[in-house]
PDB file of N, CA and C in Angstrom:
ATOM      1  N   UNK A   1       0.855  -1.160   0.000  1.00  0.00           N
ATOM      2  CA  UNK A   1       0.000   0.000   0.000  1.00  0.00           C
ATOM      3  C   UNK A   1       0.908   1.232   0.000  1.00  0.00           C
ATOM      4  N   UNK A   2       0.728   2.109  -0.977  1.00  0.00           N
ATOM      5  CA  UNK A   2       1.566   3.300  -1.100  1.00  0.00           C
ATOM      6  C   UNK A   2       1.196   4.310  -0.025  1.00  0.00           C
ATOM      7  N   UNK A   3       2.201   4.919   0.542  1.00  0.00           N
ATOM      8  CA  UNK A   3       1.971   5.955   1.545  1.00  0.00           C
ATOM      9  C   UNK A   3       1.811   5.417   2.960  1.00  0.00           C
ATOM     10  N   UNK A   4       1.729   4.122   3.108  1.00  0.00           N
ATOM     11  CA  UNK A   4       1.584   3.552   4.452  1.00  0.00           C
ATOM     12  C   UNK A   4       2.925   3.580   5.166  1.00  0.00           C
ATOM     13  N   UNK A   5       2.887   3.680   6.462  1.00  0.00           N
ATOM     14  CA  UNK A   5       4.114   3.661   7.241  1.00  0.00           C
ATOM     15  C   UNK A   5       4.719   2.265   7.208  1.00  0.00           C
ATOM     16  N   UNK A   6       6.032   2.209   7.092  1.00  0.00           N
ATOM     17  CA  UNK A   6       6.694   0.914   7.045  1.00  0.00           C
ATOM     18  C   UNK A   6       6.959   0.429   8.467  1.00  0.00           C
ATOM     19  N   UNK A   7       6.819  -0.844   8.655  1.00  0.00           N
ATOM     20  CA  UNK A   7       7.177  -1.440   9.933  1.00  0.00           C
ATOM     21  C   UNK A   7       7.743  -2.827   9.674  1.00  0.00           C
ATOM     22  N   UNK A   8       8.081  -3.527  10.715  1.00  0.00           N
ATOM     23  CA  UNK A   8       8.745  -4.820  10.542  1.00  0.00           C
ATOM     24  C   UNK A   8       7.842  -5.885   9.951  1.00  0.00           C
ATOM     25  N   UNK A   9       6.545  -5.654   9.877  1.00  0.00           N
ATOM     26  CA  UNK A   9       5.629  -6.640   9.316  1.00  0.00           C
ATOM     27  C   UNK A   9       5.432  -6.448   7.818  1.00  0.00           C
ATOM     28  N   UNK A  10       5.995  -5.397   7.229  1.00  0.00           N
ATOM     29  CA  UNK A  10       5.927  -5.217   5.789  1.00  0.00           C
ATOM     30  C   UNK A  10       6.843  -6.204   5.095  1.00  0.00           C
ATOM     31  N   UNK A  11       6.461  -6.625   3.894  1.00  0.00           N
ATOM     32  CA  UNK A  11       7.265  -7.582   3.144  1.00  0.00           C
ATOM     33  C   UNK A  11       8.622  -7.007   2.771  1.00  0.00           C
ATOM     34  N   UNK A  12       8.667  -5.740   2.423  1.00  0.00           N
ATOM     35  CA  UNK A  12       9.895  -5.123   1.924  1.00  0.00           C
ATOM     36  C   UNK A  12      10.715  -4.470   3.027  1.00  0.00           C
ATOM     37  N   UNK A  13      10.393  -4.717   4.272  1.00  0.00           N
ATOM     38  CA  UNK A  13      11.106  -4.077   5.366  1.00  0.00           C
ATOM     39  C   UNK A  13      12.469  -4.735   5.562  1.00  0.00           C
ATOM     40  N   UNK A  14      13.502  -3.923   5.516  1.00  0.00           N
ATOM     41  CA  UNK A  14      14.856  -4.399   5.792  1.00  0.00           C
ATOM     42  C   UNK A  14      15.560  -3.285   6.558  1.00  0.00           C
ATOM     43  N   UNK A  15      15.702  -3.408   7.865  1.00  0.00           N
ATOM     44  CA  UNK A  15      16.252  -2.310   8.659  1.00  0.00           C
ATOM     45  C   UNK A  15      17.681  -1.944   8.273  1.00  0.00           C
ATOM     46  N   UNK A  16      18.438  -2.873   7.684  1.00  0.00           N
ATOM     47  CA  UNK A  16      19.812  -2.546   7.302  1.00  0.00           C
ATOM     48  C   UNK A  16      19.908  -2.019   5.876  1.00  0.00           C
ATOM     49  N   UNK A  17      18.799  -1.892   5.181  1.00  0.00           N
ATOM     50  CA  UNK A  17      18.781  -1.367   3.821  1.00  0.00           C
ATOM     51  C   UNK A  17      18.981   0.145   3.864  1.00  0.00           C
ATOM     52  N   UNK A  18      19.965   0.697   3.116  1.00  0.00           N
ATOM     53  CA  UNK A  18      20.211   2.147   3.154  1.00  0.00           C
ATOM     54  C   UNK A  18      19.012   2.974   2.716  1.00  0.00           C
ATOM     55  N   UNK A  19      18.156   2.406   1.906  1.00  0.00           N
ATOM     56  CA  UNK A  19      16.971   3.154   1.464  1.00  0.00           C
ATOM     57  C   UNK A  19      16.008   3.410   2.616  1.00  0.00           C
ATOM     58  N   UNK A  20      16.114   2.625   3.681  1.00  0.00           N
ATOM     59  CA  UNK A  20      15.217   2.784   4.810  1.00  0.00           C
ATOM     60  C   UNK A  20      15.785   3.657   5.918  1.00  0.00           C
ATOM     61  N   UNK A  21      17.012   4.136   5.739  1.00  0.00           N
ATOM     62  CA  UNK A  21      17.585   5.058   6.719  1.00  0.00           C
ATOM     63  C   UNK A  21      16.916   6.413   6.531  1.00  0.00           C
ATOM     64  N   UNK A  22      16.012   6.700   7.410  1.00  0.00           N
ATOM     65  CA  UNK A  22      15.232   7.928   7.278  1.00  0.00           C
ATOM     66  C   UNK A  22      16.015   9.080   7.883  1.00  0.00           C
ATOM     67  N   UNK A  23      16.251  10.108   7.088  1.00  0.00           N
ATOM     68  CA  UNK A  23      16.921  11.313   7.576  1.00  0.00           C
ATOM     69  C   UNK A  23      15.925  12.135   8.372  1.00  0.00           C
ATOM     70  N   UNK A  24      16.412  12.893   9.339  1.00  0.00           N
ATOM     71  CA  UNK A  24      15.478  13.745  10.077  1.00  0.00           C
ATOM     72  C   UNK A  24      14.874  14.789   9.139  1.00  0.00           C
ATOM     73  N   UNK A  25      13.658  15.202   9.388  1.00  0.00           N
ATOM     74  CA  UNK A  25      13.029  16.193   8.527  1.00  0.00           C
ATOM     75  C   UNK A  25      13.784  17.518   8.551  1.00  0.00           C
ATOM     76  N   UNK A  26      13.607  18.307   7.504  1.00  0.00           N
ATOM     77  CA  UNK A  26      14.341  19.571   7.401  1.00  0.00           C
ATOM     78  C   UNK A  26      13.991  20.521   8.535  1.00  0.00           C
ATOM     79  N   UNK A  27      12.830  20.382   9.133  1.00  0.00           N
ATOM     80  CA  UNK A  27      12.434  21.294  10.206  1.00  0.00           C
ATOM     81  C   UNK A  27      12.909  20.822  11.570  1.00  0.00           C
ATOM     82  N   UNK A  28      13.544  19.664  11.647  1.00  0.00           N
ATOM     83  CA  UNK A  28      14.012  19.148  12.921  1.00  0.00           C
ATOM     84  C   UNK A  28      15.100  20.059  13.479  1.00  0.00           C
ATOM     85  N   UNK A  29      15.014  20.461  14.752  1.00  0.00           N
ATOM     86  CA  UNK A  29      16.023  21.355  15.316  1.00  0.00           C
ATOM     87  C   UNK A  29      17.419  20.746  15.238  1.00  0.00           C
ATOM     88  N   UNK A  30      18.344  21.569  14.872  1.00  0.00           N
ATOM     89  CA  UNK A  30      19.729  21.139  14.826  1.00  0.00           C
ATOM     90  C   UNK A  30      20.208  20.678  13.468  1.00  0.00           C
ATOM     91  N   UNK A  31      19.338  20.650  12.458  1.00  0.00           N
ATOM     92  CA  UNK A  31      19.781  20.166  11.158  1.00  0.00           C
ATOM     93  C   UNK A  31      20.638  21.185  10.429  1.00  0.00           C
ATOM     94  N   UNK A  32      20.537  22.446  10.760  1.00  0.00           N
ATOM     95  CA  UNK A  32      21.361  23.460  10.107  1.00  0.00           C
ATOM     96  C   UNK A  32      22.590  23.808  10.933  1.00  0.00           C
ATOM     97  N   UNK A  33      22.830  23.052  11.966  1.00  0.00           N
ATOM     98  CA  UNK A  33      23.983  23.315  12.807  1.00  0.00           C
ATOM     99  C   UNK A  33      25.238  22.812  12.104  1.00  0.00           C
ATOM    100  N   UNK A  34      26.320  23.570  12.163  1.00  0.00           N
ATOM    101  CA  UNK A  34      27.554  23.144  11.502  1.00  0.00           C
ATOM    102  C   UNK A  34      28.049  21.799  12.032  1.00  0.00           C
ATOM    103  N   UNK A  35      28.739  21.066  11.172  1.00  0.00           N
ATOM    104  CA  UNK A  35      29.252  19.749  11.559  1.00  0.00           C
ATOM    105  C   UNK A  35      30.195  19.841  12.749  1.00  0.00           C
ATOM    106  N   UNK A  36      31.005  20.900  12.799  1.00  0.00           N
ATOM    107  CA  UNK A  36      31.946  21.056  13.910  1.00  0.00           C
ATOM    108  C   UNK A  36      31.204  21.194  15.233  1.00  0.00           C
ATOM    109  N   UNK A  37      30.092  21.932  15.219  1.00  0.00           N
ATOM    110  CA  UNK A  37      29.317  22.123  16.447  1.00  0.00           C
ATOM    111  C   UNK A  37      28.687  20.805  16.895  1.00  0.00           C
ATOM    112  N   UNK A  38      28.170  20.047  15.953  1.00  0.00           N
ATOM    113  CA  UNK A  38      27.594  18.755  16.315  1.00  0.00           C
ATOM    114  C   UNK A  38      28.662  17.796  16.816  1.00  0.00           C
ATOM    115  N   UNK A  39      29.868  17.885  16.237  1.00  0.00           N
ATOM    116  CA  UNK A  39      30.954  16.995  16.627  1.00  0.00           C
ATOM    117  C   UNK A  39      31.362  17.231  18.086  1.00  0.00           C
ATOM    118  N   UNK A  40      31.318  18.491  18.545  1.00  0.00           N
ATOM    119  CA  UNK A  40      31.702  18.767  19.932  1.00  0.00           C
ATOM    120  C   UNK A  40      30.533  18.630  20.902  1.00  0.00           C
ATOM    121  N   UNK A  41      29.371  18.241  20.388  1.00  0.00           N
ATOM    122  CA  UNK A  41      28.253  17.932  21.264  1.00  0.00           C
ATOM    123  C   UNK A  41      27.212  19.018  21.419  1.00  0.00           C
ATOM    124  N   UNK A  42      27.276  20.074  20.627  1.00  0.00           N
ATOM    125  CA  UNK A  42      26.250  21.110  20.724  1.00  0.00           C
ATOM    126  C   UNK A  42      24.974  20.640  20.039  1.00  0.00           C
ATOM    127  N   UNK A  43      23.880  20.779  20.737  1.00  0.00           N
ATOM    128  CA  UNK A  43      22.565  20.497  20.170  1.00  0.00           C
ATOM    129  C   UNK A  43      21.666  21.673  20.497  1.00  0.00           C
ATOM    130  N   UNK A  44      20.431  21.615  20.033  1.00  0.00           N
ATOM    131  CA  UNK A  44      19.491  22.691  20.337  1.00  0.00           C
ATOM    132  C   UNK A  44      19.031  22.643  21.791  1.00  0.00           C
ATOM    133  N   UNK A  45      19.478  21.642  22.549  1.00  0.00           N
ATOM    134  CA  UNK A  45      19.086  21.517  23.951  1.00  0.00           C
ATOM    135  C   UNK A  45      19.985  22.304  24.901  1.00  0.00           C
ATOM    136  N   UNK A  46      21.171  22.688  24.459  1.00  0.00           N
ATOM    137  CA  UNK A  46      22.085  23.462  25.304  1.00  0.00           C
ATOM    138  C   UNK A  46      22.036  24.917  24.863  1.00  0.00           C
ATOM    139  N   UNK A  47      22.260  25.873  25.768  1.00  0.00           N
ATOM    140  CA  UNK A  47      22.103  27.287  25.414  1.00  0.00           C
ATOM    141  C   UNK A  47      22.942  27.742  24.221  1.00  0.00           C
ATOM    142  N   UNK A  48      24.211  27.368  24.188  1.00  0.00           N
ATOM    143  CA  UNK A  48      25.043  27.797  23.056  1.00  0.00           C
ATOM    144  C   UNK A  48      24.577  27.167  21.754  1.00  0.00           C
ATOM    145  N   UNK A  49      24.190  25.916  21.821  1.00  0.00           N
ATOM    146  CA  UNK A  49      23.696  25.241  20.625  1.00  0.00           C
ATOM    147  C   UNK A  49      22.363  25.793  20.165  1.00  0.00           C
ATOM    148  N   UNK A  50      21.499  26.153  21.109  1.00  0.00           N
ATOM    149  CA  UNK A  50      20.204  26.730  20.746  1.00  0.00           C
ATOM    150  C   UNK A  50      20.386  28.066  20.052  1.00  0.00           C
ATOM    151  N   UNK A  51      21.331  28.852  20.535  1.00  0.00           N
ATOM    152  CA  UNK A  51      21.606  30.135  19.905  1.00  0.00           C
ATOM    153  C   UNK A  51      22.171  29.939  18.508  1.00  0.00           C
ATOM    154  N   UNK A  52      23.072  28.996  18.365  1.00  0.00           N
ATOM    155  CA  UNK A  52      23.651  28.692  17.063  1.00  0.00           C
ATOM    156  C   UNK A  52      22.587  28.149  16.118  1.00  0.00           C
ATOM    157  N   UNK A  53      21.699  27.318  16.624  1.00  0.00           N
ATOM    158  CA  UNK A  53      20.609  26.778  15.815  1.00  0.00           C
ATOM    159  C   UNK A  53      19.665  27.888  15.380  1.00  0.00           C
ATOM    160  N   UNK A  54      19.352  28.800  16.296  1.00  0.00           N
ATOM    161  CA  UNK A  54      18.473  29.924  15.970  1.00  0.00           C
ATOM    162  C   UNK A  54      19.102  30.801  14.883  1.00  0.00           C
ATOM    163  N   UNK A  55      20.357  31.114  15.048  1.00  0.00           N
ATOM    164  CA  UNK A  55      21.035  31.954  14.061  1.00  0.00           C
ATOM    165  C   UNK A  55      21.149  31.239  12.719  1.00  0.00           C
ATOM    166  N   UNK A  56      21.280  29.927  12.743  1.00  0.00           N
ATOM    167  CA  UNK A  56      21.364  29.172  11.504  1.00  0.00           C
ATOM    168  C   UNK A  56      20.068  29.133  10.730  1.00  0.00           C
ATOM    169  N   UNK A  57      18.956  29.365  11.402  1.00  0.00           N
ATOM    170  CA  UNK A  57      17.671  29.369  10.722  1.00  0.00           C
ATOM    171  C   UNK A  57      17.291  30.742  10.167  1.00  0.00           C
ATOM    172  N   UNK A  58      18.117  31.747  10.405  1.00  0.00           N
ATOM    173  CA  UNK A  58      17.812  33.068   9.849  1.00  0.00           C
ATOM    174  C   UNK A  58      18.046  33.051   8.351  1.00  0.00           C
ATOM    175  N   UNK A  59      17.122  33.650   7.614  1.00  0.00           N
ATOM    176  CA  UNK A  59      17.175  33.681   6.153  1.00  0.00           C
ATOM    177  C   UNK A  59      17.617  35.075   5.710  1.00  0.00           C
ATOM    178  N   UNK A  60      18.785  35.199   5.064  1.00  0.00           N
ATOM    179  CA  UNK A  60      19.282  36.527   4.691  1.00  0.00           C
ATOM    180  C   UNK A  60      18.441  37.231   3.631  1.00  0.00           C
ATOM    181  N   UNK A  61      17.524  36.537   2.995  1.00  0.00           N
ATOM    182  CA  UNK A  61      16.676  37.203   1.996  1.00  0.00           C
ATOM    183  C   UNK A  61      15.506  37.931   2.636  1.00  0.00           C
ATOM    184  N   UNK A  62      15.232  37.665   3.893  1.00  0.00           N
ATOM    185  CA  UNK A  62      14.128  38.336   4.588  1.00  0.00           C
ATOM    186  C   UNK A  62      14.659  39.515   5.390  1.00  0.00           C
ATOM    187  N   UNK A  63      14.028  40.640   5.264  1.00  0.00           N
ATOM    188  CA  UNK A  63      14.469  41.855   5.940  1.00  0.00           C
ATOM    189  C   UNK A  63      14.411  41.703   7.456  1.00  0.00           C
ATOM    190  N   UNK A  64      13.332  41.136   7.967  1.00  0.00           N
ATOM    191  CA  UNK A  64      13.186  40.960   9.410  1.00  0.00           C
ATOM    192  C   UNK A  64      14.305  40.083   9.972  1.00  0.00           C
ATOM    193  N   UNK A  65      14.689  39.062   9.243  1.00  0.00           N
ATOM    194  CA  UNK A  65      15.755  38.184   9.710  1.00  0.00           C
ATOM    195  C   UNK A  65      17.095  38.909   9.722  1.00  0.00           C
ATOM    196  N   UNK A  66      17.318  39.779   8.738  1.00  0.00           N
ATOM    197  CA  UNK A  66      18.558  40.569   8.748  1.00  0.00           C
ATOM    198  C   UNK A  66      18.587  41.521   9.934  1.00  0.00           C
ATOM    199  N   UNK A  67      17.451  42.126  10.253  1.00  0.00           N
ATOM    200  CA  UNK A  67      17.376  43.019  11.402  1.00  0.00           C
ATOM    201  C   UNK A  67      17.670  42.242  12.688  1.00  0.00           C
ATOM    202  N   UNK A  68      17.110  41.050  12.819  1.00  0.00           N
ATOM    203  CA  UNK A  68      17.362  40.220  14.000  1.00  0.00           C
ATOM    204  C   UNK A  68      18.851  39.875  14.084  1.00  0.00           C
ATOM    205  N   UNK A  69      19.472  39.562  12.954  1.00  0.00           N
ATOM    206  CA  UNK A  69      20.902  39.238  12.950  1.00  0.00           C
ATOM    207  C   UNK A  69      21.729  40.437  13.403  1.00  0.00           C
ATOM    208  N   UNK A  70      21.398  41.635  12.948  1.00  0.00           N
ATOM    209  CA  UNK A  70      22.141  42.832  13.373  1.00  0.00           C
ATOM    210  C   UNK A  70      21.934  43.107  14.860  1.00  0.00           C
ATOM    211  N   UNK A  71      20.716  42.917  15.341  1.00  0.00           N
ATOM    212  CA  UNK A  71      20.453  43.117  16.771  1.00  0.00           C
ATOM    213  C   UNK A  71      21.264  42.113  17.596  1.00  0.00           C
ATOM    214  N   UNK A  72      21.316  40.865  17.143  1.00  0.00           N
ATOM    215  CA  UNK A  72      22.115  39.865  17.852  1.00  0.00           C
ATOM    216  C   UNK A  72      23.588  40.236  17.844  1.00  0.00           C
ATOM    217  N   UNK A  73      24.068  40.763  16.724  1.00  0.00           N
ATOM    218  CA  UNK A  73      25.456  41.184  16.630  1.00  0.00           C
ATOM    219  C   UNK A  73      25.754  42.306  17.621  1.00  0.00           C
ATOM    220  N   UNK A  74      24.850  43.257  17.734  1.00  0.00           N
ATOM    221  CA  UNK A  74      25.035  44.366  18.672  1.00  0.00           C
ATOM    222  C   UNK A  74      24.967  43.857  20.115  1.00  0.00           C
ATOM    223  N   UNK A  75      23.977  43.019  20.404  1.00  0.00           N
ATOM    224  CA  UNK A  75      23.802  42.518  21.770  1.00  0.00           C
ATOM    225  C   UNK A  75      25.010  41.722  22.241  1.00  0.00           C
ATOM    226  N   UNK A  76      25.580  40.903  21.372  1.00  0.00           N
ATOM    227  CA  UNK A  76      26.715  40.081  21.773  1.00  0.00           C
ATOM    228  C   UNK A  76      28.055  40.776  21.564  1.00  0.00           C
ATOM    229  N   UNK A  77      28.106  41.765  20.705  1.00  0.00           N
ATOM    230  CA  UNK A  77      29.364  42.451  20.447  1.00  0.00           C
ATOM    231  C   UNK A  77      29.614  43.646  21.347  1.00  0.00           C
ATOM    232  N   UNK A  78      28.553  44.318  21.797  1.00  0.00           N
ATOM    233  CA  UNK A  78      28.703  45.514  22.616  1.00  0.00           C
ATOM    234  C   UNK A  78      29.421  45.257  23.940  1.00  0.00           C
ATOM    235  N   UNK A  79      29.123  44.201  24.668  1.00  0.00           N
ATOM    236  CA  UNK A  79      29.873  43.955  25.905  1.00  0.00           C
ATOM    237  C   UNK A  79      31.375  43.776  25.664  1.00  0.00           C
ATOM    238  N   UNK A  80      31.736  43.166  24.557  1.00  0.00           N
ATOM    239  CA  UNK A  80      33.156  42.991  24.237  1.00  0.00           C
ATOM    240  C   UNK A  80      33.800  44.348  23.984  1.00  0.00           C
ATOM    241  N   UNK A  81      33.121  45.200  23.249  1.00  0.00           N
ATOM    242  CA  UNK A  81      33.646  46.541  22.978  1.00  0.00           C
ATOM    243  C   UNK A  81      33.784  47.333  24.269  1.00  0.00           C
ATOM    244  N   UNK A  82      32.774  47.265  25.131  1.00  0.00           N
ATOM    245  CA  UNK A  82      32.845  47.972  26.415  1.00  0.00           C
ATOM    246  C   UNK A  82      34.003  47.446  27.274  1.00  0.00           C
ATOM    247  N   UNK A  83      34.217  46.136  27.263  1.00  0.00           N
ATOM    248  CA  UNK A  83      35.313  45.563  28.031  1.00  0.00           C
ATOM    249  C   UNK A  83      36.661  46.048  27.503  1.00  0.00           C
ATOM    250  N   UNK A  84      36.813  46.087  26.194  1.00  0.00           N
ATOM    251  CA  UNK A  84      38.076  46.549  25.606  1.00  0.00           C
ATOM    252  C   UNK A  84      38.314  48.022  25.940  1.00  0.00           C
ATOM    253  N   UNK A  85      37.271  48.836  25.903  1.00  0.00           N
ATOM    254  CA  UNK A  85      37.420  50.254  26.263  1.00  0.00           C
ATOM    255  C   UNK A  85      37.809  50.394  27.727  1.00  0.00           C
ATOM    256  N   UNK A  86      37.134  49.623  28.579  1.00  0.00           N
ATOM    257  CA  UNK A  86      37.474  49.697  30.010  1.00  0.00           C
ATOM    258  C   UNK A  86      38.895  49.185  30.281  1.00  0.00           C
ATOM    259  N   UNK A  87      39.292  48.144  29.599  1.00  0.00           N
ATOM    260  CA  UNK A  87      40.654  47.612  29.743  1.00  0.00           C
ATOM    261  C   UNK A  87      41.677  48.640  29.281  1.00  0.00           C
ATOM    262  N   UNK A  88      41.392  49.326  28.187  1.00  0.00           N
ATOM    263  CA  UNK A  88      42.314  50.351  27.692  1.00  0.00           C
ATOM    264  C   UNK A  88      42.406  51.521  28.690  1.00  0.00           C
ATOM    265  N   UNK A  89      41.281  51.875  29.284  1.00  0.00           N
ATOM    266  CA  UNK A  89      41.293  52.943  30.290  1.00  0.00           C
ATOM    267  C   UNK A  89      42.085  52.520  31.511  1.00  0.00           C
ATOM    268  N   UNK A  90      41.899  51.296  31.973  1.00  0.00           N
ATOM    269  CA  UNK A  90      42.623  50.819  33.156  1.00  0.00           C
ATOM    270  C   UNK A  90      44.132  50.730  32.885  1.00  0.00           C
ATOM    271  N   UNK A  91      44.519  50.315  31.736  1.00  0.00           N
ATOM    272  CA  UNK A  91      45.946  50.219  31.394  1.00  0.00           C
ATOM    273  C   UNK A  91      46.570  51.603  31.220  1.00  0.00           C
ATOM    274  N   UNK A  92      45.775  52.543  30.766  1.00  0.00           N
ATOM    275  CA  UNK A  92      46.282  53.913  30.571  1.00  0.00           C
ATOM    276  C   UNK A  92      46.432  54.670  31.877  1.00  0.00           C
ATOM    277  N   UNK A  93      45.663  54.336  32.891  1.00  0.00           N
ATOM    278  CA  UNK A  93      45.701  55.044  34.171  1.00  0.00           C
ATOM    279  C   UNK A  93      46.933  54.632  34.952  1.00  0.00           C
ATOM    280  N   UNK A  94      47.304  53.388  34.920  1.00  0.00           N
ATOM    281  CA  UNK A  94      48.431  52.900  35.730  1.00  0.00           C
ATOM    282  C   UNK A  94      49.686  53.297  35.089  1.00  0.00           C
TER     283      UNK A  94
END
């Protein structure tokens, strides 16, 4: 029967057949995560992996997504800039 879910009672079921290795759907969290991130154990379940997964789902052709990317860049980059300015001030005073 076409379209029916396959199970072990189907005649053509072979769990070791490569054709039956079902890939996760494109909407499954973590599918757009870089291979390096997955290799070190980042998934959408950990905070850093969730952030990376979220950023990976941004579409550069959409204006709203570009705005979100710039806001994320400012939010995560501004503390670094402030730290460098404060470090430069502290080194200049001594």
